[in-house]
């Protein structure tokens, strides 16, 4: 299987698992997966109403660039990079893009 297709499947699995989590304290907020399989961008959004406040928040954002998974955003408590590793993605193919470029060499993951 092509590496990019494999990474797409892994990312979608991770997003689907997170999207299945519901919050009983804010029932009018739903999880939505947005996947651009042409440009290789994958997001988990939370959208809806919490009382009188509208919520629109990007919780997770991944991109596949240069045949690597770039974790652009992670507003969960999960260590998604570790979950990617558990699914067979080597550390050398995971970029913690939300970290400043100067600090990436210290993360143990790819720098770009």
PDB file of N, CA and C in Angstrom:
ATOM      1  N   UNK A   1       0.852  -1.189   0.000  1.00  0.00           N
ATOM      2  CA  UNK A   1       0.000   0.000   0.000  1.00  0.00           C
ATOM      3  C   UNK A   1       0.889   1.240   0.000  1.00  0.00           C
ATOM      4  N   UNK A   2       0.492   2.203  -0.786  1.00  0.00           N
ATOM      5  CA  UNK A   2       1.214   3.464  -0.844  1.00  0.00           C
ATOM      6  C   UNK A   2       1.267   4.113   0.543  1.00  0.00           C
ATOM      7  N   UNK A   3       2.394   4.701   0.857  1.00  0.00           N
ATOM      8  CA  UNK A   3       2.612   5.319   2.174  1.00  0.00           C
ATOM      9  C   UNK A   3       1.566   6.396   2.481  1.00  0.00           C
ATOM     10  N   UNK A   4       1.264   7.257   1.519  1.00  0.00           N
ATOM     11  CA  UNK A   4       0.290   8.336   1.746  1.00  0.00           C
ATOM     12  C   UNK A   4      -1.093   7.752   2.025  1.00  0.00           C
ATOM     13  N   UNK A   5      -1.503   6.750   1.261  1.00  0.00           N
ATOM     14  CA  UNK A   5      -2.810   6.111   1.496  1.00  0.00           C
ATOM     15  C   UNK A   5      -2.846   5.469   2.885  1.00  0.00           C
ATOM     16  N   UNK A   6      -1.761   4.818   3.255  1.00  0.00           N
ATOM     17  CA  UNK A   6      -1.674   4.205   4.584  1.00  0.00           C
ATOM     18  C   UNK A   6      -1.828   5.274   5.669  1.00  0.00           C
ATOM     19  N   UNK A   7      -1.132   6.393   5.511  1.00  0.00           N
ATOM     20  CA  UNK A   7      -1.207   7.467   6.504  1.00  0.00           C
ATOM     21  C   UNK A   7      -2.592   8.097   6.539  1.00  0.00           C
ATOM     22  N   UNK A   8      -3.253   8.208   5.384  1.00  0.00           N
ATOM     23  CA  UNK A   8      -4.630   8.711   5.356  1.00  0.00           C
ATOM     24  C   UNK A   8      -5.535   7.830   6.213  1.00  0.00           C
ATOM     25  N   UNK A   9      -5.418   6.536   6.047  1.00  0.00           N
ATOM     26  CA  UNK A   9      -6.257   5.600   6.807  1.00  0.00           C
ATOM     27  C   UNK A   9      -5.986   5.705   8.300  1.00  0.00           C
ATOM     28  N   UNK A  10      -4.732   5.824   8.675  1.00  0.00           N
ATOM     29  CA  UNK A  10      -4.374   5.929  10.091  1.00  0.00           C
ATOM     30  C   UNK A  10      -4.944   7.215  10.689  1.00  0.00           C
ATOM     31  N   UNK A  11      -4.790   8.319   9.977  1.00  0.00           N
ATOM     32  CA  UNK A  11      -5.305   9.609  10.470  1.00  0.00           C
ATOM     33  C   UNK A  11      -6.824   9.554  10.604  1.00  0.00           C
ATOM     34  N   UNK A  12      -7.497   9.021   9.589  1.00  0.00           N
ATOM     35  CA  UNK A  12      -8.956   8.950   9.645  1.00  0.00           C
ATOM     36  C   UNK A  12      -9.423   8.076  10.801  1.00  0.00           C
ATOM     37  N   UNK A  13      -8.741   6.993  11.059  1.00  0.00           N
ATOM     38  CA  UNK A  13      -9.095   6.133  12.195  1.00  0.00           C
ATOM     39  C   UNK A  13      -8.979   6.911  13.503  1.00  0.00           C
ATOM     40  N   UNK A  14      -7.878   7.627  13.649  1.00  0.00           N
ATOM     41  CA  UNK A  14      -7.666   8.415  14.865  1.00  0.00           C
ATOM     42  C   UNK A  14      -8.759   9.487  15.013  1.00  0.00           C
ATOM     43  N   UNK A  15      -9.075  10.181  13.926  1.00  0.00           N
ATOM     44  CA  UNK A  15     -10.110  11.216  13.975  1.00  0.00           C
ATOM     45  C   UNK A  15     -11.487  10.626  14.272  1.00  0.00           C
ATOM     46  N   UNK A  16     -11.791   9.488  13.679  1.00  0.00           N
ATOM     47  CA  UNK A  16     -13.092   8.852  13.920  1.00  0.00           C
ATOM     48  C   UNK A  16     -13.236   8.423  15.376  1.00  0.00           C
ATOM     49  N   UNK A  17     -12.164   7.930  15.963  1.00  0.00           N
ATOM     50  CA  UNK A  17     -12.205   7.565  17.386  1.00  0.00           C
ATOM     51  C   UNK A  17     -12.475   8.791  18.255  1.00  0.00           C
ATOM     52  N   UNK A  18     -11.814   9.894  17.945  1.00  0.00           N
ATOM     53  CA  UNK A  18     -12.029  11.126  18.717  1.00  0.00           C
ATOM     54  C   UNK A  18     -13.417  11.705  18.471  1.00  0.00           C
ATOM     55  N   UNK A  19     -13.889  11.632  17.244  1.00  0.00           N
ATOM     56  CA  UNK A  19     -15.207  12.182  16.905  1.00  0.00           C
ATOM     57  C   UNK A  19     -16.325  11.424  17.600  1.00  0.00           C
ATOM     58  N   UNK A  20     -16.091  10.168  17.942  1.00  0.00           N
ATOM     59  CA  UNK A  20     -17.106   9.357  18.615  1.00  0.00           C
ATOM     60  C   UNK A  20     -17.284   9.756  20.075  1.00  0.00           C
ATOM     61  N   UNK A  21     -16.350  10.530  20.615  1.00  0.00           N
ATOM     62  CA  UNK A  21     -16.447  10.973  22.011  1.00  0.00           C
ATOM     63  C   UNK A  21     -17.459  12.111  22.104  1.00  0.00           C
ATOM     64  N   UNK A  22     -18.457  11.938  22.934  1.00  0.00           N
ATOM     65  CA  UNK A  22     -19.479  12.969  23.117  1.00  0.00           C
ATOM     66  C   UNK A  22     -19.333  13.604  24.491  1.00  0.00           C
ATOM     67  N   UNK A  23     -19.760  14.844  24.585  1.00  0.00           N
ATOM     68  CA  UNK A  23     -19.695  15.585  25.836  1.00  0.00           C
ATOM     69  C   UNK A  23     -21.107  15.778  26.366  1.00  0.00           C
ATOM     70  N   UNK A  24     -21.419  15.111  27.459  1.00  0.00           N
ATOM     71  CA  UNK A  24     -22.772  15.191  27.987  1.00  0.00           C
ATOM     72  C   UNK A  24     -23.101  16.573  28.535  1.00  0.00           C
ATOM     73  N   UNK A  25     -22.077  17.336  28.929  1.00  0.00           N
ATOM     74  CA  UNK A  25     -22.339  18.670  29.484  1.00  0.00           C
ATOM     75  C   UNK A  25     -22.600  19.718  28.403  1.00  0.00           C
ATOM     76  N   UNK A  26     -22.287  19.418  27.142  1.00  0.00           N
ATOM     77  CA  UNK A  26     -22.594  20.337  26.038  1.00  0.00           C
ATOM     78  C   UNK A  26     -23.175  19.532  24.865  1.00  0.00           C
ATOM     79  N   UNK A  27     -24.422  19.083  25.005  1.00  0.00           N
ATOM     80  CA  UNK A  27     -25.012  18.175  24.007  1.00  0.00           C
ATOM     81  C   UNK A  27     -25.260  18.809  22.641  1.00  0.00           C
ATOM     82  N   UNK A  28     -25.279  20.129  22.538  1.00  0.00           N
ATOM     83  CA  UNK A  28     -25.538  20.760  21.244  1.00  0.00           C
ATOM     84  C   UNK A  28     -24.261  21.052  20.462  1.00  0.00           C
ATOM     85  N   UNK A  29     -23.123  20.581  20.971  1.00  0.00           N
ATOM     86  CA  UNK A  29     -21.858  20.703  20.244  1.00  0.00           C
ATOM     87  C   UNK A  29     -21.547  19.344  19.640  1.00  0.00           C
ATOM     88  N   UNK A  30     -21.324  19.337  18.331  1.00  0.00           N
ATOM     89  CA  UNK A  30     -21.046  18.067  17.662  1.00  0.00           C
ATOM     90  C   UNK A  30     -19.621  18.057  17.118  1.00  0.00           C
ATOM     91  N   UNK A  31     -19.099  16.866  16.999  1.00  0.00           N
ATOM     92  CA  UNK A  31     -17.781  16.665  16.406  1.00  0.00           C
ATOM     93  C   UNK A  31     -17.954  16.442  14.917  1.00  0.00           C
ATOM     94  N   UNK A  32     -17.135  17.116  14.119  1.00  0.00           N
ATOM     95  CA  UNK A  32     -17.188  16.972  12.667  1.00  0.00           C
ATOM     96  C   UNK A  32     -15.784  16.719  12.139  1.00  0.00           C
ATOM     97  N   UNK A  33     -15.667  15.724  11.284  1.00  0.00           N
ATOM     98  CA  UNK A  33     -14.403  15.448  10.609  1.00  0.00           C
ATOM     99  C   UNK A  33     -14.443  16.117   9.244  1.00  0.00           C
ATOM    100  N   UNK A  34     -13.404  16.845   8.929  1.00  0.00           N
ATOM    101  CA  UNK A  34     -13.267  17.478   7.623  1.00  0.00           C
ATOM    102  C   UNK A  34     -12.013  16.900   6.991  1.00  0.00           C
ATOM    103  N   UNK A  35     -12.171  16.252   5.842  1.00  0.00           N
ATOM    104  CA  UNK A  35     -11.042  15.588   5.193  1.00  0.00           C
ATOM    105  C   UNK A  35     -10.916  16.050   3.748  1.00  0.00           C
ATOM    106  N   UNK A  36      -9.782  16.619   3.420  1.00  0.00           N
ATOM    107  CA  UNK A  36      -9.452  16.994   2.048  1.00  0.00           C
ATOM    108  C   UNK A  36      -8.405  15.984   1.576  1.00  0.00           C
ATOM    109  N   UNK A  37      -8.866  14.945   0.909  1.00  0.00           N
ATOM    110  CA  UNK A  37      -7.972  13.862   0.513  1.00  0.00           C
ATOM    111  C   UNK A  37      -7.127  14.214  -0.713  1.00  0.00           C
ATOM    112  N   UNK A  38      -7.430  15.314  -1.373  1.00  0.00           N
ATOM    113  CA  UNK A  38      -6.619  15.767  -2.510  1.00  0.00           C
ATOM    114  C   UNK A  38      -5.403  16.536  -2.002  1.00  0.00           C
ATOM    115  N   UNK A  39      -5.639  17.454  -1.063  1.00  0.00           N
ATOM    116  CA  UNK A  39      -4.551  18.271  -0.503  1.00  0.00           C
ATOM    117  C   UNK A  39      -3.985  17.689   0.783  1.00  0.00           C
ATOM    118  N   UNK A  40      -4.568  16.592   1.232  1.00  0.00           N
ATOM    119  CA  UNK A  40      -4.108  15.834   2.407  1.00  0.00           C
ATOM    120  C   UNK A  40      -4.159  16.663   3.694  1.00  0.00           C
ATOM    121  N   UNK A  41      -5.339  17.211   3.968  1.00  0.00           N
ATOM    122  CA  UNK A  41      -5.590  17.965   5.199  1.00  0.00           C
ATOM    123  C   UNK A  41      -6.774  17.325   5.914  1.00  0.00           C
ATOM    124  N   UNK A  42      -6.624  17.122   7.222  1.00  0.00           N
ATOM    125  CA  UNK A  42      -7.614  16.373   8.005  1.00  0.00           C
ATOM    126  C   UNK A  42      -7.827  17.075   9.339  1.00  0.00           C
ATOM    127  N   UNK A  43      -9.082  17.413   9.617  1.00  0.00           N
ATOM    128  CA  UNK A  43      -9.398  18.162  10.836  1.00  0.00           C
ATOM    129  C   UNK A  43     -10.525  17.503  11.613  1.00  0.00           C
ATOM    130  N   UNK A  44     -10.490  17.711  12.910  1.00  0.00           N
ATOM    131  CA  UNK A  44     -11.626  17.410  13.769  1.00  0.00           C
ATOM    132  C   UNK A  44     -12.067  18.739  14.355  1.00  0.00           C
ATOM    133  N   UNK A  45     -13.311  19.106  14.039  1.00  0.00           N
ATOM    134  CA  UNK A  45     -13.883  20.364  14.518  1.00  0.00           C
ATOM    135  C   UNK A  45     -14.961  20.063  15.546  1.00  0.00           C
ATOM    136  N   UNK A  46     -15.128  20.977  16.484  1.00  0.00           N
ATOM    137  CA  UNK A  46     -16.276  20.949  17.399  1.00  0.00           C
ATOM    138  C   UNK A  46     -17.097  22.186  17.076  1.00  0.00           C
ATOM    139  N   UNK A  47     -18.375  21.947  16.746  1.00  0.00           N
ATOM    140  CA  UNK A  47     -19.247  23.023  16.284  1.00  0.00           C
ATOM    141  C   UNK A  47     -20.598  22.900  16.965  1.00  0.00           C
ATOM    142  N   UNK A  48     -21.125  24.021  17.432  1.00  0.00           N
ATOM    143  CA  UNK A  48     -22.468  24.018  18.005  1.00  0.00           C
ATOM    144  C   UNK A  48     -22.616  25.085  19.068  1.00  0.00           C
ATOM    145  N   UNK A  49     -23.610  24.876  19.922  1.00  0.00           N
ATOM    146  CA  UNK A  49     -23.951  25.866  20.933  1.00  0.00           C
ATOM    147  C   UNK A  49     -23.778  25.316  22.341  1.00  0.00           C
ATOM    148  N   UNK A  50     -23.182  26.137  23.193  1.00  0.00           N
ATOM    149  CA  UNK A  50     -23.082  25.862  24.626  1.00  0.00           C
ATOM    150  C   UNK A  50     -23.834  27.005  25.302  1.00  0.00           C
ATOM    151  N   UNK A  51     -25.076  26.740  25.666  1.00  0.00           N
ATOM    152  CA  UNK A  51     -25.986  27.774  26.161  1.00  0.00           C
ATOM    153  C   UNK A  51     -26.125  28.860  25.101  1.00  0.00           C
ATOM    154  N   UNK A  52     -25.686  30.074  25.380  1.00  0.00           N
ATOM    155  CA  UNK A  52     -25.829  31.164  24.417  1.00  0.00           C
ATOM    156  C   UNK A  52     -24.535  31.452  23.662  1.00  0.00           C
ATOM    157  N   UNK A  53     -23.547  30.600  23.818  1.00  0.00           N
ATOM    158  CA  UNK A  53     -22.243  30.822  23.179  1.00  0.00           C
ATOM    159  C   UNK A  53     -22.038  29.829  22.026  1.00  0.00           C
ATOM    160  N   UNK A  54     -21.684  30.353  20.854  1.00  0.00           N
ATOM    161  CA  UNK A  54     -21.413  29.509  19.699  1.00  0.00           C
ATOM    162  C   UNK A  54     -19.980  28.995  19.771  1.00  0.00           C
ATOM    163  N   UNK A  55     -19.818  27.704  19.552  1.00  0.00           N
ATOM    164  CA  UNK A  55     -18.510  27.051  19.591  1.00  0.00           C
ATOM    165  C   UNK A  55     -18.136  26.633  18.179  1.00  0.00           C
ATOM    166  N   UNK A  56     -16.958  26.992  17.750  1.00  0.00           N
ATOM    167  CA  UNK A  56     -16.384  26.521  16.485  1.00  0.00           C
ATOM    168  C   UNK A  56     -14.886  26.414  16.732  1.00  0.00           C
ATOM    169  N   UNK A  57     -14.436  25.201  16.974  1.00  0.00           N
ATOM    170  CA  UNK A  57     -13.063  25.006  17.407  1.00  0.00           C
ATOM    171  C   UNK A  57     -12.412  23.853  16.653  1.00  0.00           C
ATOM    172  N   UNK A  58     -11.208  24.090  16.166  1.00  0.00           N
ATOM    173  CA  UNK A  58     -10.423  23.034  15.541  1.00  0.00           C
ATOM    174  C   UNK A  58      -9.660  22.317  16.649  1.00  0.00           C
ATOM    175  N   UNK A  59      -9.985  21.056  16.859  1.00  0.00           N
ATOM    176  CA  UNK A  59      -9.410  20.275  17.949  1.00  0.00           C
ATOM    177  C   UNK A  59      -8.135  19.556  17.496  1.00  0.00           C
ATOM    178  N   UNK A  60      -8.200  18.941  16.340  1.00  0.00           N
ATOM    179  CA  UNK A  60      -7.054  18.235  15.772  1.00  0.00           C
ATOM    180  C   UNK A  60      -6.908  18.618  14.307  1.00  0.00           C
ATOM    181  N   UNK A  61      -5.671  18.795  13.885  1.00  0.00           N
ATOM    182  CA  UNK A  61      -5.413  19.135  12.491  1.00  0.00           C
ATOM    183  C   UNK A  61      -4.129  18.436  12.057  1.00  0.00           C
ATOM    184  N   UNK A  62      -4.263  17.591  11.038  1.00  0.00           N
ATOM    185  CA  UNK A  62      -3.128  16.869  10.474  1.00  0.00           C
ATOM    186  C   UNK A  62      -2.993  17.230   8.996  1.00  0.00           C
ATOM    187  N   UNK A  63      -1.762  17.199   8.510  1.00  0.00           N
ATOM    188  CA  UNK A  63      -1.496  17.292   7.084  1.00  0.00           C
ATOM    189  C   UNK A  63      -0.496  16.201   6.728  1.00  0.00           C
ATOM    190  N   UNK A  64      -0.577  15.732   5.505  1.00  0.00           N
ATOM    191  CA  UNK A  64       0.464  14.855   4.982  1.00  0.00           C
ATOM    192  C   UNK A  64       1.232  15.693   3.971  1.00  0.00           C
ATOM    193  N   UNK A  65       2.484  15.979   4.306  1.00  0.00           N
ATOM    194  CA  UNK A  65       3.358  16.770   3.435  1.00  0.00           C
ATOM    195  C   UNK A  65       4.687  16.041   3.315  1.00  0.00           C
ATOM    196  N   UNK A  66       5.193  15.977   2.114  1.00  0.00           N
ATOM    197  CA  UNK A  66       6.479  15.313   1.866  1.00  0.00           C
ATOM    198  C   UNK A  66       6.500  13.901   2.442  1.00  0.00           C
ATOM    199  N   UNK A  67       5.332  13.222   2.336  1.00  0.00           N
ATOM    200  CA  UNK A  67       5.179  11.835   2.782  1.00  0.00           C
ATOM    201  C   UNK A  67       5.401  11.667   4.289  1.00  0.00           C
ATOM    202  N   UNK A  68       5.137  12.733   5.028  1.00  0.00           N
ATOM    203  CA  UNK A  68       5.196  12.697   6.497  1.00  0.00           C
ATOM    204  C   UNK A  68       3.888  13.248   7.048  1.00  0.00           C
ATOM    205  N   UNK A  69       3.563  12.853   8.273  1.00  0.00           N
ATOM    206  CA  UNK A  69       2.373  13.378   8.944  1.00  0.00           C
ATOM    207  C   UNK A  69       2.797  14.578   9.790  1.00  0.00           C
ATOM    208  N   UNK A  70       2.196  15.699   9.485  1.00  0.00           N
ATOM    209  CA  UNK A  70       2.447  16.938  10.230  1.00  0.00           C
ATOM    210  C   UNK A  70       1.278  17.143  11.189  1.00  0.00           C
ATOM    211  N   UNK A  71       1.557  17.103  12.481  1.00  0.00           N
ATOM    212  CA  UNK A  71       0.541  17.378  13.498  1.00  0.00           C
ATOM    213  C   UNK A  71       0.527  18.901  13.668  1.00  0.00           C
ATOM    214  N   UNK A  72      -0.444  19.539  13.026  1.00  0.00           N
ATOM    215  CA  UNK A  72      -0.509  21.005  13.049  1.00  0.00           C
ATOM    216  C   UNK A  72      -1.155  21.532  14.331  1.00  0.00           C
ATOM    217  N   UNK A  73      -2.097  20.771  14.871  1.00  0.00           N
ATOM    218  CA  UNK A  73      -2.788  21.220  16.076  1.00  0.00           C
ATOM    219  C   UNK A  73      -3.291  20.023  16.850  1.00  0.00           C
ATOM    220  N   UNK A  74      -3.181  20.115  18.173  1.00  0.00           N
ATOM    221  CA  UNK A  74      -3.715  19.078  19.054  1.00  0.00           C
ATOM    222  C   UNK A  74      -4.198  19.741  20.341  1.00  0.00           C
ATOM    223  N   UNK A  75      -5.498  19.952  20.435  1.00  0.00           N
ATOM    224  CA  UNK A  75      -6.098  20.517  21.648  1.00  0.00           C
ATOM    225  C   UNK A  75      -6.798  19.424  22.439  1.00  0.00           C
ATOM    226  N   UNK A  76      -6.218  18.234  22.439  1.00  0.00           N
ATOM    227  CA  UNK A  76      -6.730  17.146  23.256  1.00  0.00           C
ATOM    228  C   UNK A  76      -5.667  16.802  24.290  1.00  0.00           C
ATOM    229  N   UNK A  77      -6.035  15.969  25.219  1.00  0.00           N
ATOM    230  CA  UNK A  77      -5.058  15.506  26.206  1.00  0.00           C
ATOM    231  C   UNK A  77      -4.282  14.298  25.686  1.00  0.00           C
ATOM    232  N   UNK A  78      -4.689  13.787  24.550  1.00  0.00           N
ATOM    233  CA  UNK A  78      -4.061  12.585  23.980  1.00  0.00           C
ATOM    234  C   UNK A  78      -2.696  12.912  23.388  1.00  0.00           C
ATOM    235  N   UNK A  79      -1.817  11.960  23.473  1.00  0.00           N
ATOM    236  CA  UNK A  79      -0.520  12.060  22.812  1.00  0.00           C
ATOM    237  C   UNK A  79      -0.673  11.447  21.426  1.00  0.00           C
ATOM    238  N   UNK A  80      -1.173  12.257  20.497  1.00  0.00           N
ATOM    239  CA  UNK A  80      -1.505  11.724  19.177  1.00  0.00           C
ATOM    240  C   UNK A  80      -0.270  11.237  18.430  1.00  0.00           C
ATOM    241  N   UNK A  81       0.882  11.827  18.675  1.00  0.00           N
ATOM    242  CA  UNK A  81       2.096  11.335  18.021  1.00  0.00           C
ATOM    243  C   UNK A  81       2.387   9.903  18.466  1.00  0.00           C
ATOM    244  N   UNK A  82       2.200   9.637  19.736  1.00  0.00           N
ATOM    245  CA  UNK A  82       2.404   8.274  20.252  1.00  0.00           C
ATOM    246  C   UNK A  82       1.372   7.325  19.642  1.00  0.00           C
ATOM    247  N   UNK A  83       0.135   7.789  19.480  1.00  0.00           N
ATOM    248  CA  UNK A  83      -0.895   6.963  18.857  1.00  0.00           C
ATOM    249  C   UNK A  83      -0.550   6.664  17.401  1.00  0.00           C
ATOM    250  N   UNK A  84       0.020   7.648  16.706  1.00  0.00           N
ATOM    251  CA  UNK A  84       0.465   7.414  15.337  1.00  0.00           C
ATOM    252  C   UNK A  84       1.564   6.354  15.311  1.00  0.00           C
ATOM    253  N   UNK A  85       2.490   6.450  16.257  1.00  0.00           N
ATOM    254  CA  UNK A  85       3.552   5.438  16.365  1.00  0.00           C
ATOM    255  C   UNK A  85       2.961   4.050  16.600  1.00  0.00           C
ATOM    256  N   UNK A  86       1.979   3.987  17.503  1.00  0.00           N
ATOM    257  CA  UNK A  86       1.334   2.708  17.810  1.00  0.00           C
ATOM    258  C   UNK A  86       0.679   2.089  16.574  1.00  0.00           C
ATOM    259  N   UNK A  87       0.311   2.938  15.619  1.00  0.00           N
ATOM    260  CA  UNK A  87      -0.304   2.462  14.376  1.00  0.00           C
ATOM    261  C   UNK A  87       0.749   2.140  13.307  1.00  0.00           C
ATOM    262  N   UNK A  88       2.022   2.275  13.656  1.00  0.00           N
ATOM    263  CA  UNK A  88       3.083   1.893  12.729  1.00  0.00           C
ATOM    264  C   UNK A  88       3.788   3.025  12.018  1.00  0.00           C
ATOM    265  N   UNK A  89       3.481   4.279  12.376  1.00  0.00           N
ATOM    266  CA  UNK A  89       4.160   5.414  11.750  1.00  0.00           C
ATOM    267  C   UNK A  89       5.481   5.640  12.484  1.00  0.00           C
ATOM    268  N   UNK A  90       6.612   5.606  11.780  1.00  0.00           N
ATOM    269  CA  UNK A  90       7.884   5.838  12.463  1.00  0.00           C
ATOM    270  C   UNK A  90       8.029   7.298  12.901  1.00  0.00           C
ATOM    271  N   UNK A  91       8.778   7.513  13.976  1.00  0.00           N
ATOM    272  CA  UNK A  91       9.010   8.870  14.480  1.00  0.00           C
ATOM    273  C   UNK A  91       9.573   9.787  13.395  1.00  0.00           C
ATOM    274  N   UNK A  92      10.350   9.217  12.511  1.00  0.00           N
ATOM    275  CA  UNK A  92      10.971  10.008  11.441  1.00  0.00           C
ATOM    276  C   UNK A  92       9.948  10.516  10.419  1.00  0.00           C
ATOM    277  N   UNK A  93       8.705  10.042  10.497  1.00  0.00           N
ATOM    278  CA  UNK A  93       7.642  10.490   9.599  1.00  0.00           C
ATOM    279  C   UNK A  93       6.563  11.297  10.328  1.00  0.00           C
ATOM    280  N   UNK A  94       6.855  11.732  11.541  1.00  0.00           N
ATOM    281  CA  UNK A  94       5.902  12.545  12.315  1.00  0.00           C
ATOM    282  C   UNK A  94       6.575  13.874  12.639  1.00  0.00           C
ATOM    283  N   UNK A  95       5.929  14.963  12.244  1.00  0.00           N
ATOM    284  CA  UNK A  95       6.432  16.308  12.539  1.00  0.00           C
ATOM    285  C   UNK A  95       5.461  16.970  13.498  1.00  0.00           C
ATOM    286  N   UNK A  96       5.945  17.410  14.643  1.00  0.00           N
ATOM    287  CA  UNK A  96       5.110  18.161  15.584  1.00  0.00           C
ATOM    288  C   UNK A  96       5.157  19.628  15.163  1.00  0.00           C
ATOM    289  N   UNK A  97       4.358  19.954  14.155  1.00  0.00           N
ATOM    290  CA  UNK A  97       4.408  21.271  13.530  1.00  0.00           C
ATOM    291  C   UNK A  97       3.956  22.392  14.460  1.00  0.00           C
ATOM    292  N   UNK A  98       3.216  22.057  15.511  1.00  0.00           N
ATOM    293  CA  UNK A  98       2.775  23.089  16.460  1.00  0.00           C
ATOM    294  C   UNK A  98       3.921  23.528  17.372  1.00  0.00           C
ATOM    295  N   UNK A  99       5.032  22.830  17.322  1.00  0.00           N
ATOM    296  CA  UNK A  99       6.224  23.223  18.076  1.00  0.00           C
ATOM    297  C   UNK A  99       7.043  24.192  17.219  1.00  0.00           C
ATOM    298  N   UNK A 100       7.675  25.187  17.832  1.00  0.00           N
ATOM    299  CA  UNK A 100       8.539  26.078  17.041  1.00  0.00           C
ATOM    300  C   UNK A 100       9.637  25.268  16.342  1.00  0.00           C
ATOM    301  N   UNK A 101       9.978  25.671  15.154  1.00  0.00           N
ATOM    302  CA  UNK A 101      10.953  24.932  14.356  1.00  0.00           C
ATOM    303  C   UNK A 101      12.276  24.738  15.101  1.00  0.00           C
ATOM    304  N   UNK A 102      12.691  25.717  15.878  1.00  0.00           N
ATOM    305  CA  UNK A 102      13.959  25.622  16.617  1.00  0.00           C
ATOM    306  C   UNK A 102      13.910  24.554  17.711  1.00  0.00           C
ATOM    307  N   UNK A 103      12.709  24.219  18.192  1.00  0.00           N
ATOM    308  CA  UNK A 103      12.577  23.226  19.261  1.00  0.00           C
ATOM    309  C   UNK A 103      12.316  21.816  18.747  1.00  0.00           C
ATOM    310  N   UNK A 104      11.942  21.690  17.495  1.00  0.00           N
ATOM    311  CA  UNK A 104      11.592  20.372  16.954  1.00  0.00           C
ATOM    312  C   UNK A 104      12.703  19.328  17.077  1.00  0.00           C
ATOM    313  N   UNK A 105      13.984  19.695  16.939  1.00  0.00           N
ATOM    314  CA  UNK A 105      15.017  18.660  17.094  1.00  0.00           C
ATOM    315  C   UNK A 105      15.016  17.995  18.480  1.00  0.00           C
ATOM    316  N   UNK A 106      14.453  18.635  19.461  1.00  0.00           N
ATOM    317  CA  UNK A 106      14.438  18.120  20.826  1.00  0.00           C
ATOM    318  C   UNK A 106      13.207  17.253  21.122  1.00  0.00           C
ATOM    319  N   UNK A 107      12.282  17.153  20.179  1.00  0.00           N
ATOM    320  CA  UNK A 107      11.039  16.409  20.407  1.00  0.00           C
ATOM    321  C   UNK A 107      11.207  14.904  20.211  1.00  0.00           C
ATOM    322  N   UNK A 108      12.244  14.502  19.504  1.00  0.00           N
ATOM    323  CA  UNK A 108      12.419  13.092  19.175  1.00  0.00           C
ATOM    324  C   UNK A 108      11.693  12.694  17.915  1.00  0.00           C
ATOM    325  N   UNK A 109      11.036  13.654  17.267  1.00  0.00           N
ATOM    326  CA  UNK A 109      10.321  13.409  16.023  1.00  0.00           C
ATOM    327  C   UNK A 109      11.009  14.161  14.889  1.00  0.00           C
ATOM    328  N   UNK A 110      10.477  14.014  13.687  1.00  0.00           N
ATOM    329  CA  UNK A 110      11.055  14.673  12.521  1.00  0.00           C
ATOM    330  C   UNK A 110      10.979  16.193  12.668  1.00  0.00           C
ATOM    331  N   UNK A 111      11.892  16.889  12.014  1.00  0.00           N
ATOM    332  CA  UNK A 111      11.909  18.345  12.108  1.00  0.00           C
ATOM    333  C   UNK A 111      11.207  19.003  10.935  1.00  0.00           C
ATOM    334  N   UNK A 112      11.139  18.318   9.804  1.00  0.00           N
ATOM    335  CA  UNK A 112      10.406  18.827   8.631  1.00  0.00           C
ATOM    336  C   UNK A 112      10.220  17.733   7.615  1.00  0.00           C
TER     337      UNK A 112
END
